N, C-alpha and C. Protein backbone atom coordinates (compact mmCIF):
# COMPACT_ATOMS: atom_id res chain seq x y z
N MET A 1 0.78 -1.35 -0.06
CA MET A 1 -0.08 0.02 0.10
C MET A 1 1.08 1.42 0.18
N SER A 2 0.57 2.25 -0.80
CA SER A 2 1.25 3.44 -0.94
C SER A 2 0.86 4.41 0.34
N ASN A 3 1.47 5.48 0.31
CA ASN A 3 1.24 6.52 1.58
C ASN A 3 0.81 7.91 0.98
N ASP A 4 -0.10 7.94 -0.08
CA ASP A 4 -0.44 9.18 -0.49
C ASP A 4 -0.99 9.90 0.61
N VAL A 5 -1.53 9.56 1.43
CA VAL A 5 -2.12 10.35 2.32
C VAL A 5 -1.25 11.61 3.03
N PHE A 6 0.26 11.36 3.07
CA PHE A 6 1.17 12.09 3.69
C PHE A 6 1.25 13.32 2.73
N LYS A 7 1.33 12.93 1.36
CA LYS A 7 1.80 13.76 0.41
C LYS A 7 0.43 14.77 0.25
N LYS A 8 -0.80 14.26 0.39
CA LYS A 8 -2.21 14.97 -0.01
C LYS A 8 -2.11 15.83 1.17
N MET A 9 -1.87 15.58 2.59
CA MET A 9 -1.97 16.17 3.67
C MET A 9 -1.20 17.69 3.61
N VAL A 10 0.01 17.49 2.96
CA VAL A 10 1.03 18.30 2.69
C VAL A 10 0.54 19.22 1.69
N GLU A 11 -0.25 18.80 0.46
CA GLU A 11 -0.75 19.75 -0.49
C GLU A 11 -2.11 20.68 0.26
N VAL A 12 -2.77 19.78 1.08
CA VAL A 12 -3.92 20.76 1.84
C VAL A 12 -3.37 21.81 2.60
N MET A 13 -2.14 21.71 3.21
CA MET A 13 -1.31 22.53 4.01
C MET A 13 -0.92 23.70 3.30
N ARG A 14 -0.62 23.55 1.90
CA ARG A 14 -0.17 24.60 1.09
C ARG A 14 -1.40 25.43 0.59
N GLU A 15 -2.41 24.93 0.70
CA GLU A 15 -3.61 25.81 -0.07
C GLU A 15 -4.22 26.56 1.12
N VAL A 16 -4.00 25.83 2.36
CA VAL A 16 -5.38 26.87 3.38
C VAL A 16 -3.90 27.92 4.15
N GLY A 17 -4.29 29.06 4.07
CA GLY A 17 -3.65 30.22 4.63
C GLY A 17 -4.22 30.54 5.87
N VAL A 18 -3.97 31.62 6.52
CA VAL A 18 -4.43 32.41 7.95
C VAL A 18 -5.90 32.16 7.76
N VAL A 19 -6.26 31.56 9.17
CA VAL A 19 -7.70 31.45 9.45
C VAL A 19 -7.62 32.45 10.75
N GLY A 20 -8.03 33.47 10.58
CA GLY A 20 -7.96 34.67 11.65
C GLY A 20 -9.07 34.46 12.74
N LYS A 21 -8.81 35.29 14.02
CA LYS A 21 -9.90 34.98 14.93
C LYS A 21 -10.95 36.13 14.71
N ASN A 22 -11.93 35.77 13.86
CA ASN A 22 -12.68 36.91 13.41
C ASN A 22 -14.31 36.93 14.25
N GLN A 23 -14.24 35.98 14.84
CA GLN A 23 -15.51 35.92 15.93
C GLN A 23 -15.34 36.56 17.35
N LYS A 24 -16.29 37.03 18.06
CA LYS A 24 -15.87 37.67 19.33
C LYS A 24 -17.16 36.99 20.25
N ASN A 25 -16.42 36.64 21.46
CA ASN A 25 -17.20 36.15 22.66
C ASN A 25 -18.21 37.33 23.15
N GLN A 26 -19.38 37.19 23.22
CA GLN A 26 -20.11 38.25 23.50
C GLN A 26 -19.98 38.59 25.16
N ALA A 27 -19.87 37.34 25.94
CA ALA A 27 -19.98 37.67 27.40
C ALA A 27 -18.60 38.17 27.67
N GLN A 28 -17.36 37.74 27.26
CA GLN A 28 -16.04 38.21 28.03
C GLN A 28 -15.22 39.10 26.98
N GLY A 29 -15.70 39.01 25.65
CA GLY A 29 -15.08 40.03 24.86
C GLY A 29 -13.93 39.73 24.05
N PHE A 30 -13.46 38.27 24.23
CA PHE A 30 -12.06 37.72 23.50
C PHE A 30 -12.75 37.25 22.13
N LYS A 31 -11.73 37.50 21.24
CA LYS A 31 -11.84 36.98 19.69
C LYS A 31 -11.34 35.53 19.66
N PHE A 32 -11.96 34.88 18.80
CA PHE A 32 -11.72 33.45 18.66
C PHE A 32 -12.11 33.09 17.15
N ARG A 33 -11.24 31.60 16.58
CA ARG A 33 -11.76 31.11 15.38
C ARG A 33 -12.75 30.10 15.70
N GLY A 34 -13.72 30.02 15.22
CA GLY A 34 -14.97 29.19 15.62
C GLY A 34 -14.83 27.80 14.54
N ILE A 35 -15.30 26.52 14.91
CA ILE A 35 -15.23 25.41 13.84
C ILE A 35 -15.73 25.62 12.71
N ASP A 36 -16.67 26.59 12.35
CA ASP A 36 -17.13 26.88 11.26
C ASP A 36 -16.20 27.41 10.30
N ASP A 37 -15.29 28.26 10.80
CA ASP A 37 -14.10 28.90 10.19
C ASP A 37 -13.22 28.08 9.71
N MET A 38 -12.82 26.78 10.81
CA MET A 38 -11.92 25.90 10.47
C MET A 38 -12.15 25.05 9.10
N VAL A 39 -13.72 24.68 9.37
CA VAL A 39 -14.12 23.61 8.31
C VAL A 39 -14.28 24.39 7.04
N ASN A 40 -14.81 25.44 7.15
CA ASN A 40 -14.80 26.38 5.66
C ASN A 40 -13.65 26.61 5.12
N ALA A 41 -12.51 26.84 5.88
CA ALA A 41 -11.03 26.94 5.46
C ALA A 41 -10.62 25.76 4.73
N LEU A 42 -10.81 24.64 5.32
CA LEU A 42 -9.99 23.36 5.16
C LEU A 42 -11.19 22.57 4.05
N HIS A 43 -12.21 22.70 4.08
CA HIS A 43 -13.23 21.79 2.90
C HIS A 43 -12.84 21.64 1.56
N PRO A 44 -12.54 22.98 0.84
CA PRO A 44 -12.03 23.01 -0.34
C PRO A 44 -10.95 22.32 -0.82
N ALA A 45 -9.81 22.31 0.24
CA ALA A 45 -8.63 21.60 -0.05
C ALA A 45 -8.44 20.16 0.11
N LEU A 46 -9.53 19.83 1.09
CA LEU A 46 -9.43 18.51 1.41
C LEU A 46 -10.20 17.59 0.47
N THR A 47 -11.29 18.25 -0.35
CA THR A 47 -12.09 17.57 -1.32
C THR A 47 -11.17 17.58 -2.47
N LYS A 48 -10.62 18.64 -2.76
CA LYS A 48 -9.50 18.70 -3.97
C LYS A 48 -8.56 17.65 -3.89
N HIS A 49 -8.01 17.32 -2.96
CA HIS A 49 -6.91 16.57 -2.79
C HIS A 49 -7.45 15.02 -2.33
N GLY A 50 -8.44 14.86 -2.24
CA GLY A 50 -9.19 13.42 -2.05
C GLY A 50 -8.90 13.01 -0.51
N VAL A 51 -8.78 14.00 0.48
CA VAL A 51 -8.76 13.53 1.73
C VAL A 51 -10.27 13.68 2.69
N PHE A 52 -10.16 12.49 3.34
CA PHE A 52 -11.50 12.62 4.37
C PHE A 52 -11.21 12.17 5.41
N MET A 53 -11.97 12.59 6.57
CA MET A 53 -11.87 12.33 8.03
C MET A 53 -12.84 11.34 8.61
N ALA A 54 -12.49 10.53 9.39
CA ALA A 54 -13.29 9.63 10.28
C ALA A 54 -12.98 10.03 11.58
N PRO A 55 -13.90 10.29 12.34
CA PRO A 55 -13.65 10.85 13.86
C PRO A 55 -14.07 9.49 14.69
N ARG A 56 -13.35 9.36 15.93
CA ARG A 56 -13.66 8.26 16.86
C ARG A 56 -13.59 8.71 18.21
N CYS A 57 -14.31 8.67 19.19
CA CYS A 57 -14.22 8.85 20.44
C CYS A 57 -13.65 7.64 21.42
N VAL A 58 -12.53 8.04 21.92
CA VAL A 58 -12.07 6.92 22.71
C VAL A 58 -12.33 7.03 24.09
N LYS A 59 -12.34 8.08 24.72
CA LYS A 59 -12.95 8.15 26.06
C LYS A 59 -14.15 9.25 26.33
N GLU A 60 -14.96 9.16 27.08
CA GLU A 60 -15.90 10.17 27.53
C GLU A 60 -16.03 10.21 29.14
N GLU A 61 -16.35 11.12 29.78
CA GLU A 61 -16.67 11.28 31.01
C GLU A 61 -17.61 12.49 31.32
N HIS A 62 -18.53 12.35 32.22
CA HIS A 62 -19.45 13.34 32.53
C HIS A 62 -19.79 13.54 33.76
N GLU A 63 -20.06 14.60 34.47
CA GLU A 63 -20.40 14.93 35.65
C GLU A 63 -21.43 16.33 35.81
N ILE A 64 -22.01 16.41 36.79
CA ILE A 64 -22.53 17.54 37.06
C ILE A 64 -21.87 18.46 37.91
N LYS A 65 -21.56 19.90 37.49
CA LYS A 65 -20.59 20.85 38.30
C LYS A 65 -21.61 21.87 38.75
N GLU A 66 -21.31 22.18 40.00
CA GLU A 66 -21.93 23.61 40.65
C GLU A 66 -21.34 24.79 39.88
N VAL A 67 -21.99 25.71 39.39
CA VAL A 67 -21.47 26.80 38.96
C VAL A 67 -22.20 27.98 39.40
N VAL A 68 -21.54 29.23 39.14
CA VAL A 68 -21.90 30.64 39.61
C VAL A 68 -22.34 31.32 38.49
N ARG A 69 -23.88 31.51 38.23
CA ARG A 69 -24.08 32.09 37.03
C ARG A 69 -23.79 33.69 37.05
N GLY A 70 -23.88 34.44 35.91
CA GLY A 70 -23.70 35.53 36.05
C GLY A 70 -24.53 36.69 36.79
N SER A 71 -25.61 36.15 37.07
CA SER A 71 -26.59 36.97 38.03
C SER A 71 -26.28 36.87 39.61
N GLY A 72 -25.14 35.66 39.63
CA GLY A 72 -24.77 35.50 41.17
C GLY A 72 -25.67 34.07 41.83
N LYS A 73 -26.42 33.84 40.92
CA LYS A 73 -27.23 32.51 41.38
C LYS A 73 -26.38 31.20 41.06
N VAL A 74 -26.40 30.14 42.10
CA VAL A 74 -25.75 29.10 42.03
C VAL A 74 -26.65 28.03 40.95
N GLY A 75 -25.83 27.39 40.09
CA GLY A 75 -26.52 26.52 39.22
C GLY A 75 -26.05 25.38 39.06
N TYR A 76 -26.20 24.30 38.05
CA TYR A 76 -25.51 23.13 37.95
C TYR A 76 -25.75 23.10 36.40
N ASP A 77 -24.37 22.71 35.99
CA ASP A 77 -24.03 22.39 34.60
C ASP A 77 -23.50 20.99 34.25
N LYS A 78 -23.74 20.45 33.37
CA LYS A 78 -23.29 19.24 32.59
C LYS A 78 -21.79 19.54 32.22
N HIS A 79 -20.81 18.92 32.72
CA HIS A 79 -19.38 18.96 32.59
C HIS A 79 -18.98 17.80 31.53
N VAL A 80 -18.66 17.53 30.35
CA VAL A 80 -18.48 16.66 29.58
C VAL A 80 -16.83 16.55 29.14
N THR A 81 -15.81 15.49 29.40
CA THR A 81 -14.60 15.56 28.96
C THR A 81 -14.49 14.36 28.10
N ILE A 82 -13.80 14.51 26.82
CA ILE A 82 -13.74 13.48 25.98
C ILE A 82 -12.33 13.36 25.24
N HIS A 83 -12.02 12.47 24.76
CA HIS A 83 -10.62 12.16 24.13
C HIS A 83 -11.15 11.59 22.67
N MET A 84 -10.78 12.33 21.49
CA MET A 84 -11.17 12.24 20.30
C MET A 84 -10.05 11.68 19.44
N GLU A 85 -10.17 10.56 18.47
CA GLU A 85 -9.09 10.58 17.39
C GLU A 85 -9.69 10.58 16.00
N TYR A 86 -8.75 11.02 15.33
CA TYR A 86 -9.40 11.54 13.66
C TYR A 86 -8.49 10.75 12.90
N ASP A 87 -9.15 9.82 12.07
CA ASP A 87 -8.27 9.03 10.85
C ASP A 87 -8.35 10.02 9.60
N PHE A 88 -7.35 10.45 9.22
CA PHE A 88 -7.58 11.14 7.78
C PHE A 88 -7.14 10.13 6.67
N PHE A 89 -7.73 9.71 5.60
CA PHE A 89 -7.67 8.84 4.61
C PHE A 89 -7.57 9.66 3.21
N ALA A 90 -6.77 9.01 2.34
CA ALA A 90 -6.36 9.40 1.19
C ALA A 90 -7.27 8.23 0.24
N GLU A 91 -7.09 8.49 -1.23
CA GLU A 91 -8.22 7.76 -1.91
C GLU A 91 -7.44 6.21 -2.15
N ASP A 92 -6.29 6.18 -1.74
CA ASP A 92 -5.36 4.88 -2.00
C ASP A 92 -5.95 3.82 -0.65
N GLY A 93 -6.37 4.52 0.29
CA GLY A 93 -6.67 3.70 1.52
C GLY A 93 -5.60 4.08 2.50
N SER A 94 -4.46 4.87 2.10
CA SER A 94 -3.72 5.07 3.27
C SER A 94 -4.10 6.01 4.31
N LYS A 95 -3.70 6.20 5.45
CA LYS A 95 -4.22 6.85 6.52
C LYS A 95 -3.16 7.06 7.47
N VAL A 96 -3.65 8.32 8.24
CA VAL A 96 -2.96 8.79 9.39
C VAL A 96 -3.85 8.90 10.53
N THR A 97 -3.52 8.70 11.97
CA THR A 97 -4.41 9.06 12.77
C THR A 97 -3.78 9.96 13.85
N ILE A 98 -4.54 10.94 13.94
CA ILE A 98 -4.34 12.29 14.94
C ILE A 98 -5.03 11.93 16.43
N GLY A 99 -4.33 11.99 17.34
CA GLY A 99 -4.87 12.05 18.91
C GLY A 99 -4.38 10.96 19.71
N PRO A 100 -4.58 10.85 20.58
CA PRO A 100 -6.30 11.27 21.16
C PRO A 100 -6.01 12.92 21.52
N ILE A 101 -7.17 13.63 21.37
CA ILE A 101 -7.22 14.96 21.53
C ILE A 101 -8.33 15.28 22.36
N PRO A 102 -7.79 15.77 23.64
CA PRO A 102 -8.58 16.01 24.78
C PRO A 102 -9.36 17.26 24.56
N ALA A 103 -10.63 17.17 25.15
CA ALA A 103 -11.60 18.50 25.16
C ALA A 103 -12.71 18.44 26.01
N GLU A 104 -13.12 19.64 26.37
CA GLU A 104 -14.14 19.54 27.44
C GLU A 104 -15.27 20.55 27.09
N GLY A 105 -16.56 20.45 27.50
CA GLY A 105 -17.77 21.07 27.20
C GLY A 105 -18.49 21.25 28.68
N LEU A 106 -19.09 22.54 28.71
CA LEU A 106 -19.90 22.68 29.96
C LEU A 106 -21.01 23.49 29.54
N ASP A 107 -22.27 23.02 29.94
CA ASP A 107 -23.46 23.37 29.41
C ASP A 107 -24.46 23.21 30.42
N SER A 108 -25.58 24.06 30.49
CA SER A 108 -26.78 24.02 31.43
C SER A 108 -27.93 22.85 30.76
N GLY A 109 -28.02 22.75 29.41
CA GLY A 109 -28.61 22.03 28.82
C GLY A 109 -28.13 20.83 28.33
N ASP A 110 -28.49 20.55 26.96
CA ASP A 110 -27.94 19.41 26.27
C ASP A 110 -26.85 19.66 25.40
N LYS A 111 -25.98 20.79 25.19
CA LYS A 111 -25.17 21.02 24.55
C LYS A 111 -23.68 20.73 25.08
N ALA A 112 -23.39 20.16 26.06
CA ALA A 112 -21.97 19.97 26.66
C ALA A 112 -21.20 19.11 25.75
N THR A 113 -21.72 18.09 25.19
CA THR A 113 -21.03 17.12 24.30
C THR A 113 -20.72 17.94 22.92
N ASN A 114 -21.83 18.54 22.61
CA ASN A 114 -21.62 19.33 21.34
C ASN A 114 -20.19 20.22 21.48
N LYS A 115 -20.43 20.79 22.37
CA LYS A 115 -18.98 21.89 22.63
C LYS A 115 -17.70 21.22 22.77
N ALA A 116 -17.74 19.75 23.30
CA ALA A 116 -16.69 19.40 23.50
C ALA A 116 -16.10 18.68 22.23
N LEU A 117 -16.86 18.23 21.33
CA LEU A 117 -16.94 17.61 20.00
C LEU A 117 -16.30 18.74 19.04
N SER A 118 -16.92 20.12 19.17
CA SER A 118 -16.39 21.05 18.52
C SER A 118 -14.88 21.55 18.88
N ALA A 119 -14.67 21.55 20.02
CA ALA A 119 -13.35 22.00 20.48
C ALA A 119 -12.27 21.18 20.04
N ALA A 120 -12.50 19.84 20.19
CA ALA A 120 -11.55 18.69 19.69
C ALA A 120 -11.31 18.96 18.38
N LEU A 121 -12.20 18.99 17.62
CA LEU A 121 -11.84 18.90 16.16
C LEU A 121 -11.21 20.29 15.45
N LYS A 122 -11.79 21.42 16.26
CA LYS A 122 -11.32 22.49 16.08
C LYS A 122 -9.64 22.63 16.04
N TYR A 123 -9.03 22.04 17.47
CA TYR A 123 -7.85 22.00 17.62
C TYR A 123 -7.13 20.91 16.80
N ALA A 124 -7.71 19.92 16.41
CA ALA A 124 -7.16 18.71 15.79
C ALA A 124 -6.90 19.55 14.48
N LEU A 125 -7.75 19.95 13.94
CA LEU A 125 -7.60 20.68 12.30
C LEU A 125 -6.16 21.67 12.76
N ILE A 126 -6.37 22.58 13.60
CA ILE A 126 -5.21 23.51 13.75
C ILE A 126 -4.06 23.04 14.02
N GLN A 127 -3.80 21.99 14.67
CA GLN A 127 -2.40 21.58 15.01
C GLN A 127 -2.24 20.52 13.83
N THR A 128 -3.02 19.83 13.35
CA THR A 128 -2.67 18.79 12.27
C THR A 128 -2.10 19.57 11.05
N PHE A 129 -2.87 20.43 10.84
CA PHE A 129 -2.65 21.40 9.49
C PHE A 129 -1.65 22.53 9.56
N SER A 130 -1.52 22.86 11.03
CA SER A 130 -0.39 24.01 11.13
C SER A 130 -1.09 25.19 10.72
N ILE A 131 -2.57 25.60 10.81
CA ILE A 131 -3.12 26.72 10.43
C ILE A 131 -2.79 27.79 11.29
N PRO A 132 -2.17 28.80 10.56
CA PRO A 132 -1.81 30.26 11.32
C PRO A 132 -2.99 30.91 11.64
N THR A 133 -2.86 31.80 12.63
CA THR A 133 -3.67 32.69 12.67
C THR A 133 -2.63 34.08 13.08
N GLU A 134 -2.98 35.29 12.81
CA GLU A 134 -2.30 36.47 12.98
C GLU A 134 -1.99 36.78 14.66
N ASP A 135 -2.55 36.21 15.56
CA ASP A 135 -1.98 36.47 16.66
C ASP A 135 -2.30 35.23 17.72
N MET A 136 -1.50 34.16 17.34
CA MET A 136 -1.47 33.10 18.02
C MET A 136 -0.95 33.21 19.48
N ALA A 137 -1.71 32.66 20.74
CA ALA A 137 -1.22 32.83 21.89
C ALA A 137 -0.10 31.86 22.17
N GLU A 138 0.97 32.38 22.73
CA GLU A 138 1.87 31.63 23.31
C GLU A 138 1.72 31.25 24.88
N GLY A 139 1.65 29.73 25.01
CA GLY A 139 1.31 29.20 26.22
C GLY A 139 2.42 29.58 27.40
N ASP A 140 3.46 30.14 27.05
CA ASP A 140 4.38 30.26 28.04
C ASP A 140 4.31 31.97 28.64
N LEU A 141 3.36 32.72 28.01
CA LEU A 141 3.42 33.81 28.49
C LEU A 141 2.90 33.87 30.08
N GLU A 142 1.94 32.91 30.44
CA GLU A 142 1.37 33.16 31.58
C GLU A 142 1.85 31.79 32.46
N THR A 143 1.75 31.97 33.64
CA THR A 143 2.06 30.73 34.58
C THR A 143 0.96 30.73 35.54
N PRO A 144 -0.09 29.97 35.32
CA PRO A 144 -1.25 29.98 36.25
C PRO A 144 -1.06 29.11 37.39
N THR A 145 -1.48 29.23 38.54
CA THR A 145 -1.49 28.44 39.78
C THR A 145 -2.85 27.83 40.09
N ILE A 146 -2.74 26.72 41.07
CA ILE A 146 -3.95 26.20 41.37
C ILE A 146 -3.83 26.18 42.81
N GLY A 147 -4.94 26.83 43.58
CA GLY A 147 -4.71 26.38 45.10
C GLY A 147 -4.38 28.09 45.66
N ASP A 148 -4.45 28.11 47.13
CA ASP A 148 -4.48 29.39 47.57
C ASP A 148 -2.93 29.52 47.73
N ALA A 149 -2.56 30.78 48.68
CA ALA A 149 -1.47 31.20 49.10
C ALA A 149 -0.79 29.89 49.69
N SER A 150 -1.42 29.29 50.70
CA SER A 150 -0.76 28.33 51.41
C SER A 150 -0.36 26.98 50.70
N GLY A 151 -0.96 26.84 49.39
CA GLY A 151 -0.80 25.70 48.43
C GLY A 151 -1.80 24.75 48.39
N SER A 152 -2.67 24.98 49.46
CA SER A 152 -3.82 24.06 49.48
C SER A 152 -4.93 24.34 48.26
N PRO A 153 -5.25 23.19 47.74
CA PRO A 153 -6.06 23.20 46.86
C PRO A 153 -7.40 23.85 47.12
N LYS A 154 -8.09 24.61 46.18
CA LYS A 154 -9.54 25.25 46.40
C LYS A 154 -10.35 24.49 45.96
N LYS A 155 -11.71 24.69 46.64
CA LYS A 155 -12.99 23.80 46.00
C LYS A 155 -13.16 24.23 44.64
N GLU A 156 -13.39 23.31 43.90
CA GLU A 156 -13.65 24.05 42.42
C GLU A 156 -15.56 24.67 42.23
N VAL A 157 -15.42 25.66 42.00
CA VAL A 157 -16.63 26.23 41.46
C VAL A 157 -16.26 27.11 40.33
N VAL A 158 -17.33 26.53 39.34
CA VAL A 158 -17.08 27.22 37.88
C VAL A 158 -18.15 28.58 37.79
N LYS A 159 -17.19 29.64 37.39
CA LYS A 159 -18.08 30.93 37.21
C LYS A 159 -18.37 31.12 35.92
N THR A 160 -19.65 31.36 35.45
CA THR A 160 -19.91 31.67 34.07
C THR A 160 -20.63 32.98 33.75
N GLY A 161 -20.53 33.57 32.66
CA GLY A 161 -21.18 34.86 32.44
C GLY A 161 -20.13 35.99 32.77
N ALA A 162 -20.29 37.03 31.99
CA ALA A 162 -19.62 38.11 32.05
C ALA A 162 -19.64 38.67 33.50
N LEU A 163 -20.52 38.67 34.28
CA LEU A 163 -20.79 39.28 35.41
C LEU A 163 -20.61 38.68 36.63
N ALA A 164 -19.94 37.27 36.47
CA ALA A 164 -19.93 36.26 37.28
C ALA A 164 -19.52 37.07 38.56
N THR A 165 -20.06 36.54 39.75
CA THR A 165 -19.55 37.07 41.09
C THR A 165 -18.58 36.15 41.78
N PRO A 166 -17.82 36.62 42.85
CA PRO A 166 -16.97 35.44 43.57
C PRO A 166 -17.51 34.26 43.86
N ALA A 167 -16.81 33.26 43.95
CA ALA A 167 -17.25 31.79 44.13
C ALA A 167 -17.79 31.73 45.46
N VAL A 168 -18.84 31.04 45.86
CA VAL A 168 -19.27 30.69 47.36
C VAL A 168 -19.06 29.26 47.56
N GLU A 169 -18.58 28.84 48.68
CA GLU A 169 -18.59 27.26 48.89
C GLU A 169 -19.81 26.96 49.30
N THR A 170 -20.37 25.91 48.75
CA THR A 170 -21.26 25.08 48.98
C THR A 170 -21.20 23.66 48.76
N SER A 171 -22.08 22.93 49.02
CA SER A 171 -21.90 21.26 48.96
C SER A 171 -21.64 20.90 47.54
N ALA A 172 -21.00 19.73 47.22
CA ALA A 172 -20.52 19.48 45.93
C ALA A 172 -21.76 18.91 45.27
N THR A 173 -22.93 18.20 46.12
CA THR A 173 -23.65 17.37 45.66
C THR A 173 -25.17 18.57 45.78
N PRO A 174 -25.78 18.54 44.57
CA PRO A 174 -27.03 19.23 44.46
C PRO A 174 -28.35 18.70 45.32
N PRO A 175 -28.89 19.64 45.73
CA PRO A 175 -29.99 19.07 46.28
C PRO A 175 -30.99 18.48 45.43
N ALA A 176 -31.91 17.56 45.96
CA ALA A 176 -32.65 17.05 44.80
C ALA A 176 -33.58 17.94 43.98
N ALA A 177 -34.05 18.92 45.06
CA ALA A 177 -34.90 19.72 44.24
C ALA A 177 -34.43 20.88 43.18
N SER A 178 -32.98 20.95 43.32
CA SER A 178 -32.44 21.96 42.47
C SER A 178 -31.70 21.23 41.33
N ARG A 179 -31.83 20.01 41.05
CA ARG A 179 -31.16 19.49 39.95
C ARG A 179 -31.78 19.80 38.46
N GLY A 180 -32.68 20.07 38.41
CA GLY A 180 -33.23 20.40 37.26
C GLY A 180 -33.50 19.32 36.20
N SER A 181 -33.06 19.05 35.04
CA SER A 181 -33.08 18.00 34.30
C SER A 181 -31.89 16.75 34.30
N PHE A 182 -31.09 17.32 35.26
CA PHE A 182 -30.12 16.18 35.69
C PHE A 182 -30.19 15.39 36.77
N LYS A 183 -31.15 14.59 36.62
CA LYS A 183 -31.83 13.81 37.98
C LYS A 183 -30.86 12.52 38.62
N ARG A 184 -29.67 12.95 38.78
CA ARG A 184 -28.62 11.90 38.99
C ARG A 184 -28.12 12.51 40.42
N ASN A 185 -27.86 11.50 41.65
CA ASN A 185 -27.17 11.83 42.64
C ASN A 185 -25.81 11.66 42.38
N ALA A 186 -24.69 11.68 43.22
CA ALA A 186 -23.28 11.70 43.09
C ALA A 186 -22.89 10.27 43.03
N ALA A 187 -23.66 9.43 43.81
CA ALA A 187 -23.33 7.74 43.81
C ALA A 187 -23.68 7.36 42.27
N THR A 188 -24.76 7.96 41.88
CA THR A 188 -25.30 7.54 40.32
C THR A 188 -24.24 7.79 39.53
N GLN A 189 -23.78 9.00 39.57
CA GLN A 189 -22.70 9.57 38.64
C GLN A 189 -21.36 8.79 38.65
N VAL A 190 -21.13 8.32 39.76
CA VAL A 190 -19.50 7.64 39.90
C VAL A 190 -19.82 6.15 39.47
N ALA A 191 -21.23 5.68 39.70
CA ALA A 191 -21.49 4.30 39.17
C ALA A 191 -21.52 4.22 37.60
N GLN A 192 -22.31 5.41 37.21
CA GLN A 192 -22.12 5.57 35.74
C GLN A 192 -20.58 5.69 34.95
N GLN A 193 -19.86 6.50 35.64
CA GLN A 193 -18.65 6.95 35.09
C GLN A 193 -17.85 5.32 35.22
N GLY A 194 -17.76 4.70 36.26
CA GLY A 194 -17.09 3.40 36.42
C GLY A 194 -17.38 2.54 35.30
N ASP A 195 -18.60 2.48 34.71
CA ASP A 195 -19.17 1.72 33.58
C ASP A 195 -18.61 2.19 32.17
N LEU A 196 -17.87 3.44 32.00
CA LEU A 196 -17.25 3.99 30.85
C LEU A 196 -16.18 2.92 30.24
């Protein structure tokens, strides 16, 4: 079997230029490249050179997380973590596998998995095809820390929204009346995760 996929992916890279950060997050004001931007930029070159992609989820975990809404109210969101692999095939059957690519999604409804899938695909495409942007962030510019001044880990509370207020410590397991559409207690969540 030949290895046309490598040659064809290089040809795709030659044709795809800069994909700028043209979208803006309304809540926090930062610019970003959306998954639509990436797919729209790559699709013509992928089809021209006969390269297609097949995604595969190799790991998935989910849990209910306590969050503080922009209004200051405490709520509960679904948090999904996935690990995706992507096989890129050429017409001769040769392939290259990218991944696993980790990604996360957080949502109060049914979109947490969709968000995680979009993030995984976006970064798989950016990194696989080395797609430049005019202002790529350098990971070494910041040194985030976890925990307080004493080094003790903090209780994790996720804040969402532009006007998120300081986190308040509350119990990790939501009361039965407040769980909304996620009607699982902590023991059930752990049991379900153990089955994955």
